[in-house]
Amino acid sequence: MEKESLIKETRNNVGTLKINRPERRNALSPDLLADLHLTLKKWSEDDAVRVVVITGNSEKAFSAGYDIPAIPTEISPEAAEFLKEKNSLENALNSVKNFPFPVIAMINGYCFGAGLNLAMCCDIRIGADHIKAGMPPAKLGLVYHPEGLSQFIEVIGMAKTREIFFTGHTYSGREVKEMGLVDHLVPGNALSKTVYAMADEISKNAPLALKGTKKILNMIGKYFLIGSEHLNEAQALVVEAFNSNDLKEGQTAFIEKRNPVFIGK
């Protein structure tokens, strides 16, 4: 029997999604992201699941990010348009962000790239005190998509978003909390108990209050989205990086575990 890449569990009014690719440090694959999107869509159809917990099914990793070898190194204008409308990562992130009830990220290990973006789309982030987190697009030759950058700005502010994306630095332990990437940092052996105590507390509150408050907060959060007059320019910058030799070099260096040599083309 093929192993599930996303484990789904429900207990009372709490749903749990466990990213289950430990051999890849829970890297996000297109199939897994589609499953996450469809599961949240199904759960949103009624009020049975009033809190969602997203975590990694491994003490070592929440998610190490998007599967780097799966990133295309050449992209046509038609493909760029398709990705803009149908991108599995953005669909999954939007499903988390717009789920009608609160979503908690239980961060239990490595949390990088798209995995960290996934955590930013959750309403609350609780991490184990041994976690490591960072955003490596600049080290790979990628320009991160505008909506993703907006999701970081909404949570941690413009200045810290600039630092995290410009440096590609890996933050550890207390640094993760200081940068605002988690709301609470607890000992690893207390993580699950802490998260589910909060989830149970939230799940007992009035459904209309939870849904209404989240919807209004998301309306306010739209303030951080890039304006339509600049969106095409931003998308062109993303596509230019996708088509660059630097992206190929960044991917190759990542796979070969060496420092990349970028030329700016």
Protein backbone atom coordinates (compact mmCIF):
# COMPACT_ATOMS: atom_id res chain seq x y z
CA MET A 1 0.00 0.00 0.00
CA GLU A 2 1.38 3.40 -1.02
CA LYS A 3 2.25 5.72 1.85
CA GLU A 4 0.03 8.78 2.28
CA SER A 5 1.99 12.00 1.85
CA LEU A 6 -0.63 13.88 3.87
CA ILE A 7 -2.23 12.25 6.92
CA LYS A 8 -5.68 13.57 7.85
CA GLU A 9 -7.17 13.16 11.32
CA THR A 10 -10.20 14.63 13.08
CA ARG A 11 -11.05 14.58 16.78
CA ASN A 12 -14.08 16.39 18.13
CA ASN A 13 -13.94 19.72 16.26
CA VAL A 14 -10.18 19.71 15.63
CA GLY A 15 -8.69 18.56 12.33
CA THR A 16 -5.01 17.68 11.93
CA LEU A 17 -2.99 17.58 8.72
CA LYS A 18 0.42 15.85 8.99
CA ILE A 19 2.93 16.29 6.18
CA ASN A 20 4.26 12.76 5.78
CA ARG A 21 7.39 12.77 3.61
CA PRO A 22 10.09 12.30 6.29
CA GLU A 23 12.56 10.89 3.76
CA ARG A 24 12.43 14.32 2.02
CA ARG A 25 12.26 16.31 5.28
CA ASN A 26 8.57 16.79 4.49
CA ALA A 27 9.27 18.75 1.29
CA LEU A 28 6.08 19.94 -0.40
CA SER A 29 5.25 18.10 -3.61
CA PRO A 30 2.53 19.13 -6.09
CA ASP A 31 0.44 16.04 -5.18
CA LEU A 32 0.68 16.76 -1.46
CA LEU A 33 -0.27 20.40 -1.98
CA ALA A 34 -3.27 19.41 -4.10
CA ASP A 35 -4.37 16.98 -1.37
CA LEU A 36 -4.02 19.70 1.28
CA HIS A 37 -6.06 22.12 -0.84
CA LEU A 38 -8.85 19.59 -1.48
CA THR A 39 -8.99 18.46 2.16
CA LEU A 40 -9.37 22.01 3.45
CA LYS A 41 -11.97 22.70 0.78
CA LYS A 42 -13.96 19.66 1.97
CA TRP A 43 -13.60 20.60 5.66
CA SER A 44 -14.78 24.13 4.91
CA GLU A 45 -18.16 22.89 3.68
CA ASP A 46 -19.57 22.63 7.21
CA ASP A 47 -18.71 23.60 10.80
CA ALA A 48 -17.52 20.14 11.90
CA VAL A 49 -13.83 21.17 11.88
CA ARG A 50 -13.47 24.44 13.80
CA VAL A 51 -9.69 24.43 14.21
CA VAL A 52 -7.01 22.93 11.96
CA VAL A 53 -3.52 21.95 13.13
CA ILE A 54 -0.86 21.57 10.43
CA THR A 55 2.38 19.80 11.35
CA GLY A 56 5.09 17.49 10.07
CA ASN A 57 4.89 13.78 10.80
CA SER A 58 8.49 13.87 12.04
CA GLU A 59 10.31 15.45 14.97
CA LYS A 60 13.02 16.63 12.56
CA ALA A 61 10.94 18.62 10.08
CA PHE A 62 7.77 20.64 9.71
CA SER A 63 8.66 21.14 6.05
CA ALA A 64 12.00 21.82 4.39
CA GLY A 65 10.16 23.70 1.62
CA TYR A 66 9.13 23.02 -1.94
CA ASP A 67 10.80 20.07 -3.65
CA ILE A 68 13.72 21.92 -5.30
CA PRO A 69 14.21 19.45 -8.21
CA ALA A 70 10.53 19.98 -9.10
CA ILE A 71 11.03 23.70 -9.81
CA PRO A 72 11.00 24.29 -13.61
CA THR A 73 14.16 25.94 -14.96
CA GLU A 74 12.54 27.20 -18.17
CA ILE A 75 9.05 28.57 -18.46
CA SER A 76 7.05 29.84 -21.43
CA PRO A 77 4.67 32.80 -21.23
CA GLU A 78 1.78 30.33 -21.54
CA ALA A 79 3.14 28.22 -18.70
CA ALA A 80 3.69 31.33 -16.61
CA GLU A 81 0.04 32.29 -17.11
CA PHE A 82 -1.05 28.76 -16.15
CA LEU A 83 1.11 28.79 -13.02
CA LYS A 84 -0.28 32.18 -12.07
CA GLU A 85 -3.79 30.74 -12.16
CA LYS A 86 -3.23 27.08 -11.24
CA ASN A 87 -0.03 26.97 -9.13
CA SER A 88 -0.47 24.13 -6.64
CA LEU A 89 1.58 25.90 -3.96
CA GLU A 90 -0.35 29.15 -4.14
CA ASN A 91 -3.67 27.27 -4.20
CA ALA A 92 -2.69 25.35 -1.06
CA LEU A 93 -1.42 28.46 0.74
CA ASN A 94 -4.60 30.36 -0.11
CA SER A 95 -6.68 27.43 1.16
CA VAL A 96 -4.90 27.68 4.52
CA LYS A 97 -5.11 31.47 4.62
CA ASN A 98 -8.81 31.52 3.70
CA PHE A 99 -9.99 28.47 5.65
CA PRO A 100 -13.06 29.80 7.50
CA PHE A 101 -11.80 28.74 10.94
CA PRO A 102 -8.43 29.29 12.71
CA VAL A 103 -5.39 27.27 11.59
CA ILE A 104 -2.44 26.56 13.89
CA ALA A 105 1.04 25.64 12.63
CA MET A 106 2.72 23.16 14.99
CA ILE A 107 6.35 23.57 13.93
CA ASN A 108 8.40 20.61 15.04
CA GLY A 109 11.71 20.87 13.17
CA TYR A 110 13.14 22.32 9.96
CA CYS A 111 10.89 25.00 8.48
CA PHE A 112 12.22 26.54 5.27
CA GLY A 113 11.07 28.15 2.04
CA ALA A 114 7.53 27.25 1.07
CA GLY A 115 7.22 25.34 4.36
CA LEU A 116 7.80 28.58 6.26
CA ASN A 117 5.39 30.37 3.91
CA LEU A 118 2.81 27.71 4.78
CA ALA A 119 3.32 28.51 8.47
CA MET A 120 2.93 32.25 7.73
CA CYS A 121 -0.49 31.54 6.21
CA CYS A 122 -1.65 29.95 9.46
CA ASP A 123 -3.30 32.14 12.08
CA ILE A 124 -1.08 31.02 14.97
CA ARG A 125 2.43 29.51 14.97
CA ILE A 126 3.77 27.42 17.87
CA GLY A 127 7.23 25.91 17.59
CA ALA A 128 9.56 23.56 19.44
CA ASP A 129 12.62 25.30 20.88
CA HIS A 130 15.00 23.36 18.60
CA ILE A 131 13.51 24.50 15.29
CA LYS A 132 15.43 26.10 12.44
CA ALA A 133 13.78 28.39 9.89
CA GLY A 134 14.67 30.54 6.89
CA MET A 135 13.82 31.67 3.36
CA PRO A 136 16.48 30.59 0.79
CA PRO A 137 15.11 31.91 -2.56
CA ALA A 138 18.02 34.36 -2.98
CA LYS A 139 20.46 31.46 -2.53
CA LEU A 140 18.66 29.54 -5.30
CA GLY A 141 18.28 32.37 -7.83
CA LEU A 142 14.52 32.71 -7.31
CA VAL A 143 12.34 35.81 -7.10
CA TYR A 144 9.60 34.91 -4.63
CA HIS A 145 6.01 35.46 -5.74
CA PRO A 146 4.34 38.74 -4.67
CA GLU A 147 1.52 37.17 -2.68
CA GLY A 148 4.01 35.12 -0.66
CA LEU A 149 6.03 38.23 0.19
CA SER A 150 2.80 39.94 1.24
CA GLN A 151 1.99 37.02 3.55
CA PHE A 152 5.32 37.49 5.33
CA ILE A 153 4.90 41.26 5.60
CA GLU A 154 1.47 40.77 7.17
CA VAL A 155 2.93 38.58 9.92
CA ILE A 156 6.41 39.94 10.64
CA GLY A 157 6.47 43.40 9.01
CA MET A 158 8.41 44.91 6.13
CA ALA A 159 11.82 45.31 7.81
CA LYS A 160 12.11 41.71 9.00
CA THR A 161 10.76 40.39 5.68
CA ARG A 162 13.53 42.30 3.90
CA GLU A 163 16.19 40.81 6.18
CA ILE A 164 14.91 37.25 5.92
CA PHE A 165 14.66 37.29 2.10
CA PHE A 166 17.82 39.31 1.39
CA THR A 167 20.11 37.25 3.65
CA GLY A 168 18.63 33.76 3.24
CA HIS A 169 19.87 33.30 6.82
CA THR A 170 18.94 30.26 8.91
CA TYR A 171 17.43 31.26 12.25
CA SER A 172 17.63 28.88 15.22
CA GLY A 173 15.84 28.60 18.56
CA ARG A 174 15.21 31.99 20.18
CA GLU A 175 16.14 33.80 16.95
CA VAL A 176 13.02 32.33 15.34
CA LYS A 177 10.86 33.89 18.05
CA GLU A 178 12.74 37.21 17.94
CA MET A 179 12.12 37.47 14.20
CA GLY A 180 8.41 36.91 14.78
CA LEU A 181 8.30 33.66 12.81
CA VAL A 182 6.58 31.91 15.72
CA ASP A 183 4.21 33.26 18.36
CA HIS A 184 5.23 30.74 21.03
CA LEU A 185 8.38 28.66 21.50
CA VAL A 186 8.12 25.68 23.86
CA PRO A 187 10.20 22.60 24.75
CA GLY A 188 9.84 19.85 22.16
CA ASN A 189 8.23 17.44 24.63
CA ALA A 190 5.54 20.04 25.43
CA LEU A 191 4.76 21.05 21.84
CA SER A 192 1.82 18.76 21.10
CA LYS A 193 0.21 19.33 24.51
CA THR A 194 0.53 23.12 24.13
CA VAL A 195 -0.88 23.18 20.61
CA TYR A 196 -3.85 20.93 21.27
CA ALA A 197 -4.72 22.72 24.52
CA MET A 198 -5.04 25.92 22.48
CA ALA A 199 -6.87 24.14 19.66
CA ASP A 200 -9.40 22.66 22.10
CA GLU A 201 -9.89 26.07 23.73
CA ILE A 202 -10.56 27.70 20.36
CA SER A 203 -12.85 24.90 19.18
CA LYS A 204 -15.22 25.49 22.10
CA ASN A 205 -15.87 29.09 21.06
CA ALA A 206 -18.84 30.24 18.99
CA PRO A 207 -18.44 29.20 15.32
CA LEU A 208 -19.95 32.41 13.96
CA ALA A 209 -17.57 34.49 16.09
CA LEU A 210 -14.55 32.52 14.91
CA LYS A 211 -15.51 32.66 11.24
CA GLY A 212 -16.58 36.30 11.34
CA THR A 213 -13.44 37.46 13.12
CA LYS A 214 -11.14 35.56 10.77
CA LYS A 215 -12.93 36.87 7.70
CA ILE A 216 -12.64 40.48 8.88
CA LEU A 217 -8.96 40.01 9.79
CA ASN A 218 -8.31 38.64 6.30
CA MET A 219 -10.09 41.66 4.82
CA ILE A 220 -7.75 43.93 6.78
CA GLY A 221 -4.79 41.77 5.68
CA LYS A 222 -5.54 42.55 2.02
CA TYR A 223 -3.95 45.94 2.72
CA PHE A 224 -0.59 44.18 2.30
CA LEU A 225 -1.35 42.82 -1.19
CA ILE A 226 0.41 44.37 -4.18
CA GLY A 227 -1.77 46.65 -6.30
CA SER A 228 -3.07 45.43 -9.65
CA GLU A 229 -1.16 48.21 -11.45
CA HIS A 230 2.15 46.64 -10.34
CA LEU A 231 1.18 42.95 -10.47
CA ASN A 232 2.19 42.35 -14.10
CA GLU A 233 5.60 43.92 -13.49
CA ALA A 234 6.09 41.73 -10.41
CA GLN A 235 5.10 38.58 -12.31
CA ALA A 236 7.58 39.48 -15.08
CA LEU A 237 10.38 39.63 -12.50
CA VAL A 238 9.40 36.17 -11.24
CA VAL A 239 9.38 34.72 -14.78
CA GLU A 240 12.74 36.36 -15.61
CA ALA A 241 14.32 34.58 -12.65
CA PHE A 242 12.69 31.27 -13.65
CA ASN A 243 14.34 31.58 -17.06
CA SER A 244 17.78 32.55 -15.74
CA ASN A 245 21.02 30.60 -15.75
CA ASP A 246 21.32 31.54 -12.08
CA LEU A 247 18.28 29.41 -11.20
CA LYS A 248 19.84 26.40 -12.93
CA GLU A 249 23.07 27.05 -11.02
CA GLY A 250 21.18 27.47 -7.73
CA GLN A 251 19.34 24.17 -8.20
CA THR A 252 22.51 22.31 -9.22
CA ALA A 253 24.49 23.72 -6.29
CA PHE A 254 21.69 22.78 -3.88
CA ILE A 255 21.63 19.19 -5.16
CA GLU A 256 25.44 18.97 -5.15
CA LYS A 257 25.63 20.57 -1.67
CA ARG A 258 28.04 23.34 -2.70
CA ASN A 259 27.98 27.12 -2.80
CA PRO A 260 26.46 28.51 -6.02
CA VAL A 261 28.35 30.83 -8.34
CA PHE A 262 25.85 33.39 -9.65
CA ILE A 263 26.48 35.63 -12.68
CA GLY A 264 23.31 37.73 -12.64
CA LYS A 265 21.92 36.29 -15.88
